[in-house]
Amino acid sequence: MMFGLGAPELIAIGVIALLLFGPRKLPELMRGLGKGLREFKKASNEIQEQIQSAIESEPTQKP
């Protein structure tokens, strides 16, 4: 199931984060979040490549 976040939701999340963490801490948190997302995507892509490589290198079996 995919969840789409529109502008109102993103604004609400931003306002809540600003209230919780303050304007000084927020940029640092966003950088950390960005790094975490990049690492997650990188790991996900590596796993997909490994799976694809395993599928392509698997010998086909004849019935």
PDB file of N, CA and C in Angstrom:
ATOM      1  N   MET A   1       0.852  -1.172   0.000  1.00  0.00           N
ATOM      2  CA  MET A   1       0.000   0.000   0.000  1.00  0.00           C
ATOM      3  C   MET A   1       0.898   1.235   0.000  1.00  0.00           C
ATOM      4  N   MET A   2       0.624   2.174  -0.891  1.00  0.00           N
ATOM      5  CA  MET A   2       1.426   3.390  -0.998  1.00  0.00           C
ATOM      6  C   MET A   2       0.678   4.542  -0.328  1.00  0.00           C
ATOM      7  N   PHE A   3       1.434   5.328   0.402  1.00  0.00           N
ATOM      8  CA  PHE A   3       0.864   6.499   1.038  1.00  0.00           C
ATOM      9  C   PHE A   3       1.442   7.726   0.366  1.00  0.00           C
ATOM     10  N   GLY A   4       0.573   8.562  -0.154  1.00  0.00           N
ATOM     11  CA  GLY A   4       1.035   9.791  -0.782  1.00  0.00           C
ATOM     12  C   GLY A   4       0.870  10.954   0.179  1.00  0.00           C
ATOM     13  N   LEU A   5       1.931  11.704   0.343  1.00  0.00           N
ATOM     14  CA  LEU A   5       1.865  12.883   1.194  1.00  0.00           C
ATOM     15  C   LEU A   5       1.741  14.114   0.312  1.00  0.00           C
ATOM     16  N   GLY A   6       0.695  14.862   0.532  1.00  0.00           N
ATOM     17  CA  GLY A   6       0.502  16.091  -0.209  1.00  0.00           C
ATOM     18  C   GLY A   6       1.112  17.262   0.534  1.00  0.00           C
ATOM     19  N   ALA A   7       0.952  18.440  -0.029  1.00  0.00           N
ATOM     20  CA  ALA A   7       1.510  19.649   0.566  1.00  0.00           C
ATOM     21  C   ALA A   7       0.971  19.915   1.977  1.00  0.00           C
ATOM     22  N   PRO A   8      -0.329  19.783   2.217  1.00  0.00           N
ATOM     23  CA  PRO A   8      -0.822  20.061   3.577  1.00  0.00           C
ATOM     24  C   PRO A   8      -0.217  19.145   4.640  1.00  0.00           C
ATOM     25  N   GLU A   9      -0.048  17.870   4.288  1.00  0.00           N
ATOM     26  CA  GLU A   9       0.535  16.935   5.247  1.00  0.00           C
ATOM     27  C   GLU A   9       1.992  17.263   5.534  1.00  0.00           C
ATOM     28  N   LEU A  10       2.742  17.587   4.470  1.00  0.00           N
ATOM     29  CA  LEU A  10       4.152  17.928   4.640  1.00  0.00           C
ATOM     30  C   LEU A  10       4.324  19.201   5.464  1.00  0.00           C
ATOM     31  N   ILE A  11       3.466  20.174   5.245  1.00  0.00           N
ATOM     32  CA  ILE A  11       3.520  21.414   6.020  1.00  0.00           C
ATOM     33  C   ILE A  11       3.227  21.131   7.483  1.00  0.00           C
ATOM     34  N   ALA A  12       2.219  20.303   7.745  1.00  0.00           N
ATOM     35  CA  ALA A  12       1.876  19.960   9.124  1.00  0.00           C
ATOM     36  C   ALA A  12       3.035  19.234   9.810  1.00  0.00           C
ATOM     37  N   ILE A  13       3.663  18.314   9.117  1.00  0.00           N
ATOM     38  CA  ILE A  13       4.812  17.599   9.680  1.00  0.00           C
ATOM     39  C   ILE A  13       5.947  18.571   9.960  1.00  0.00           C
ATOM     40  N   GLY A  14       6.191  19.494   9.048  1.00  0.00           N
ATOM     41  CA  GLY A  14       7.243  20.494   9.243  1.00  0.00           C
ATOM     42  C   GLY A  14       6.985  21.384  10.442  1.00  0.00           C
ATOM     43  N   VAL A  15       5.749  21.822  10.611  1.00  0.00           N
ATOM     44  CA  VAL A  15       5.399  22.678  11.748  1.00  0.00           C
ATOM     45  C   VAL A  15       5.565  21.916  13.056  1.00  0.00           C
ATOM     46  N   ILE A  16       5.121  20.676  13.093  1.00  0.00           N
ATOM     47  CA  ILE A  16       5.259  19.866  14.313  1.00  0.00           C
ATOM     48  C   ILE A  16       6.732  19.647  14.639  1.00  0.00           C
ATOM     49  N   ALA A  17       7.543  19.334  13.626  1.00  0.00           N
ATOM     50  CA  ALA A  17       8.979  19.125  13.853  1.00  0.00           C
ATOM     51  C   ALA A  17       9.627  20.411  14.359  1.00  0.00           C
ATOM     52  N   LEU A  18       9.228  21.541  13.807  1.00  0.00           N
ATOM     53  CA  LEU A  18       9.778  22.831  14.238  1.00  0.00           C
ATOM     54  C   LEU A  18       9.419  23.101  15.691  1.00  0.00           C
ATOM     55  N   LEU A  19       8.197  22.802  16.067  1.00  0.00           N
ATOM     56  CA  LEU A  19       7.776  23.012  17.460  1.00  0.00           C
ATOM     57  C   LEU A  19       8.494  22.056  18.417  1.00  0.00           C
ATOM     58  N   LEU A  20       8.690  20.816  17.988  1.00  0.00           N
ATOM     59  CA  LEU A  20       9.322  19.828  18.865  1.00  0.00           C
ATOM     60  C   LEU A  20      10.825  20.058  19.025  1.00  0.00           C
ATOM     61  N   PHE A  21      11.505  20.371  17.943  1.00  0.00           N
ATOM     62  CA  PHE A  21      12.962  20.416  17.978  1.00  0.00           C
ATOM     63  C   PHE A  21      13.552  21.821  17.936  1.00  0.00           C
ATOM     64  N   GLY A  22      12.773  22.792  17.526  1.00  0.00           N
ATOM     65  CA  GLY A  22      13.281  24.156  17.470  1.00  0.00           C
ATOM     66  C   GLY A  22      14.038  24.423  16.184  1.00  0.00           C
ATOM     67  N   PRO A  23      14.191  25.694  15.858  1.00  0.00           N
ATOM     68  CA  PRO A  23      14.814  26.057  14.577  1.00  0.00           C
ATOM     69  C   PRO A  23      16.311  25.750  14.514  1.00  0.00           C
ATOM     70  N   ARG A  24      16.977  25.643  15.643  1.00  0.00           N
ATOM     71  CA  ARG A  24      18.421  25.373  15.612  1.00  0.00           C
ATOM     72  C   ARG A  24      18.725  23.906  15.352  1.00  0.00           C
ATOM     73  N   LYS A  25      17.925  23.035  15.878  1.00  0.00           N
ATOM     74  CA  LYS A  25      18.179  21.600  15.777  1.00  0.00           C
ATOM     75  C   LYS A  25      17.610  20.994  14.489  1.00  0.00           C
ATOM     76  N   LEU A  26      16.630  21.649  13.895  1.00  0.00           N
ATOM     77  CA  LEU A  26      15.931  21.086  12.736  1.00  0.00           C
ATOM     78  C   LEU A  26      16.842  20.823  11.532  1.00  0.00           C
ATOM     79  N   PRO A  27      17.724  21.752  11.126  1.00  0.00           N
ATOM     80  CA  PRO A  27      18.586  21.447   9.968  1.00  0.00           C
ATOM     81  C   PRO A  27      19.478  20.220  10.198  1.00  0.00           C
ATOM     82  N   GLU A  28      19.980  20.080  11.411  1.00  0.00           N
ATOM     83  CA  GLU A  28      20.812  18.921  11.731  1.00  0.00           C
ATOM     84  C   GLU A  28      20.009  17.629  11.618  1.00  0.00           C
ATOM     85  N   LEU A  29      18.779  17.655  12.090  1.00  0.00           N
ATOM     86  CA  LEU A  29      17.915  16.482  12.002  1.00  0.00           C
ATOM     87  C   LEU A  29      17.591  16.138  10.548  1.00  0.00           C
ATOM     88  N   MET A  30      17.354  17.150   9.739  1.00  0.00           N
ATOM     89  CA  MET A  30      17.040  16.911   8.330  1.00  0.00           C
ATOM     90  C   MET A  30      18.246  16.317   7.595  1.00  0.00           C
ATOM     91  N   ARG A  31      19.457  16.794   7.911  1.00  0.00           N
ATOM     92  CA  ARG A  31      20.652  16.217   7.303  1.00  0.00           C
ATOM     93  C   ARG A  31      20.779  14.747   7.684  1.00  0.00           C
ATOM     94  N   GLY A  32      20.555  14.444   8.934  1.00  0.00           N
ATOM     95  CA  GLY A  32      20.616  13.054   9.394  1.00  0.00           C
ATOM     96  C   GLY A  32      19.573  12.189   8.708  1.00  0.00           C
ATOM     97  N   LEU A  33      18.378  12.731   8.553  1.00  0.00           N
ATOM     98  CA  LEU A  33      17.311  12.002   7.870  1.00  0.00           C
ATOM     99  C   LEU A  33      17.683  11.748   6.412  1.00  0.00           C
ATOM    100  N   GLY A  34      18.237  12.758   5.757  1.00  0.00           N
ATOM    101  CA  GLY A  34      18.667  12.608   4.368  1.00  0.00           C
ATOM    102  C   GLY A  34      19.738  11.542   4.213  1.00  0.00           C
ATOM    103  N   LYS A  35      20.717  11.554   5.116  1.00  0.00           N
ATOM    104  CA  LYS A  35      21.776  10.537   5.070  1.00  0.00           C
ATOM    105  C   LYS A  35      21.192   9.148   5.278  1.00  0.00           C
ATOM    106  N   GLY A  36      20.286   9.037   6.223  1.00  0.00           N
ATOM    107  CA  GLY A  36      19.660   7.741   6.490  1.00  0.00           C
ATOM    108  C   GLY A  36      18.884   7.225   5.289  1.00  0.00           C
ATOM    109  N   LEU A  37      18.138   8.108   4.641  1.00  0.00           N
ATOM    110  CA  LEU A  37      17.373   7.699   3.458  1.00  0.00           C
ATOM    111  C   LEU A  37      18.292   7.281   2.315  1.00  0.00           C
ATOM    112  N   ARG A  38      19.396   8.030   2.131  1.00  0.00           N
ATOM    113  CA  ARG A  38      20.352   7.663   1.074  1.00  0.00           C
ATOM    114  C   ARG A  38      20.952   6.282   1.340  1.00  0.00           C
ATOM    115  N   GLU A  39      21.330   6.021   2.580  1.00  0.00           N
ATOM    116  CA  GLU A  39      21.901   4.715   2.923  1.00  0.00           C
ATOM    117  C   GLU A  39      20.880   3.601   2.724  1.00  0.00           C
ATOM    118  N   PHE A  40      19.636   3.857   3.100  1.00  0.00           N
ATOM    119  CA  PHE A  40      18.582   2.860   2.916  1.00  0.00           C
ATOM    120  C   PHE A  40      18.378   2.553   1.437  1.00  0.00           C
ATOM    121  N   LYS A  41      18.312   3.591   0.595  1.00  0.00           N
ATOM    122  CA  LYS A  41      18.129   3.384  -0.843  1.00  0.00           C
ATOM    123  C   LYS A  41      19.311   2.639  -1.438  1.00  0.00           C
ATOM    124  N   LYS A  42      20.517   2.986  -0.986  1.00  0.00           N
ATOM    125  CA  LYS A  42      21.717   2.328  -1.495  1.00  0.00           C
ATOM    126  C   LYS A  42      21.687   0.834  -1.157  1.00  0.00           C
ATOM    127  N   ALA A  43      21.374   0.520   0.085  1.00  0.00           N
ATOM    128  CA  ALA A  43      21.298  -0.884   0.503  1.00  0.00           C
ATOM    129  C   ALA A  43      20.203  -1.619  -0.250  1.00  0.00           C
ATOM    130  N   SER A  44      19.071  -0.973  -0.436  1.00  0.00           N
ATOM    131  CA  SER A  44      17.958  -1.576  -1.159  1.00  0.00           C
ATOM    132  C   SER A  44      18.352  -1.871  -2.605  1.00  0.00           C
ATOM    133  N   ASN A  45      19.024  -0.935  -3.250  1.00  0.00           N
ATOM    134  CA  ASN A  45      19.463  -1.142  -4.633  1.00  0.00           C
ATOM    135  C   ASN A  45      20.478  -2.270  -4.725  1.00  0.00           C
ATOM    136  N   GLU A  46      21.387  -2.355  -3.759  1.00  0.00           N
ATOM    137  CA  GLU A  46      22.378  -3.430  -3.765  1.00  0.00           C
ATOM    138  C   GLU A  46      21.709  -4.793  -3.625  1.00  0.00           C
ATOM    139  N   ILE A  47      20.725  -4.881  -2.762  1.00  0.00           N
ATOM    140  CA  ILE A  47      20.012  -6.147  -2.582  1.00  0.00           C
ATOM    141  C   ILE A  47      19.262  -6.526  -3.857  1.00  0.00           C
ATOM    142  N   GLN A  48      18.617  -5.552  -4.485  1.00  0.00           N
ATOM    143  CA  GLN A  48      17.900  -5.830  -5.730  1.00  0.00           C
ATOM    144  C   GLN A  48      18.863  -6.301  -6.815  1.00  0.00           C
ATOM    145  N   GLU A  49      20.045  -5.683  -6.892  1.00  0.00           N
ATOM    146  CA  GLU A  49      21.030  -6.093  -7.881  1.00  0.00           C
ATOM    147  C   GLU A  49      21.512  -7.516  -7.623  1.00  0.00           C
ATOM    148  N   GLN A  50      21.718  -7.865  -6.351  1.00  0.00           N
ATOM    149  CA  GLN A  50      22.155  -9.213  -6.006  1.00  0.00           C
ATOM    150  C   GLN A  50      21.090 -10.245  -6.376  1.00  0.00           C
ATOM    151  N   ILE A  51      19.849  -9.917  -6.106  1.00  0.00           N
ATOM    152  CA  ILE A  51      18.758 -10.831  -6.446  1.00  0.00           C
ATOM    153  C   ILE A  51      18.660 -10.993  -7.957  1.00  0.00           C
ATOM    154  N   GLN A  52      18.731  -9.885  -8.684  1.00  0.00           N
ATOM    155  CA  GLN A  52      18.651  -9.932 -10.142  1.00  0.00           C
ATOM    156  C   GLN A  52      19.820 -10.732 -10.711  1.00  0.00           C
ATOM    157  N   SER A  53      20.997 -10.532 -10.150  1.00  0.00           N
ATOM    158  CA  SER A  53      22.178 -11.264 -10.607  1.00  0.00           C
ATOM    159  C   SER A  53      22.013 -12.755 -10.354  1.00  0.00           C
ATOM    160  N   ALA A  54      21.482 -13.125  -9.205  1.00  0.00           N
ATOM    161  CA  ALA A  54      21.270 -14.529  -8.882  1.00  0.00           C
ATOM    162  C   ALA A  54      20.241 -15.149  -9.817  1.00  0.00           C
ATOM    163  N   ILE A  55      19.196 -14.408 -10.149  1.00  0.00           N
ATOM    164  CA  ILE A  55      18.161 -14.917 -11.052  1.00  0.00           C
ATOM    165  C   ILE A  55      18.737 -15.132 -12.449  1.00  0.00           C
ATOM    166  N   GLU A  56      19.542 -14.172 -12.918  1.00  0.00           N
ATOM    167  CA  GLU A  56      20.096 -14.275 -14.262  1.00  0.00           C
ATOM    168  C   GLU A  56      21.150 -15.364 -14.372  1.00  0.00           C
ATOM    169  N   SER A  57      21.889 -15.628 -13.302  1.00  0.00           N
ATOM    170  CA  SER A  57      22.955 -16.618 -13.372  1.00  0.00           C
ATOM    171  C   SER A  57      22.465 -18.034 -13.078  1.00  0.00           C
ATOM    172  N   GLU A  58      21.236 -18.159 -12.616  1.00  0.00           N
ATOM    173  CA  GLU A  58      20.678 -19.480 -12.303  1.00  0.00           C
ATOM    174  C   GLU A  58      20.431 -20.238 -13.585  1.00  0.00           C
ATOM    175  N   PRO A  59      20.937 -21.477 -13.673  1.00  0.00           N
ATOM    176  CA  PRO A  59      20.708 -22.248 -14.910  1.00  0.00           C
ATOM    177  C   PRO A  59      19.224 -22.618 -15.032  1.00  0.00           C
ATOM    178  N   THR A  60      18.741 -22.567 -16.247  1.00  0.00           N
ATOM    179  CA  THR A  60      17.338 -22.918 -16.482  1.00  0.00           C
ATOM    180  C   THR A  60      17.201 -24.432 -16.469  1.00  0.00           C
ATOM    181  N   GLN A  61      16.149 -24.897 -15.856  1.00  0.00           N
ATOM    182  CA  GLN A  61      15.888 -26.345 -15.766  1.00  0.00           C
ATOM    183  C   GLN A  61      14.854 -26.718 -16.814  1.00  0.00           C
ATOM    184  N   LYS A  62      15.146 -27.784 -17.521  1.00  0.00           N
ATOM    185  CA  LYS A  62      14.196 -28.282 -18.518  1.00  0.00           C
ATOM    186  C   LYS A  62      13.314 -29.343 -17.848  1.00  0.00           C
ATOM    187  N   PRO A  63      12.011 -29.313 -18.146  1.00  0.00           N
ATOM    188  CA  PRO A  63      11.100 -30.310 -17.535  1.00  0.00           C
ATOM    189  C   PRO A  63      11.299 -31.697 -18.054  1.00  0.00           C
TER     190      PRO A  63
END
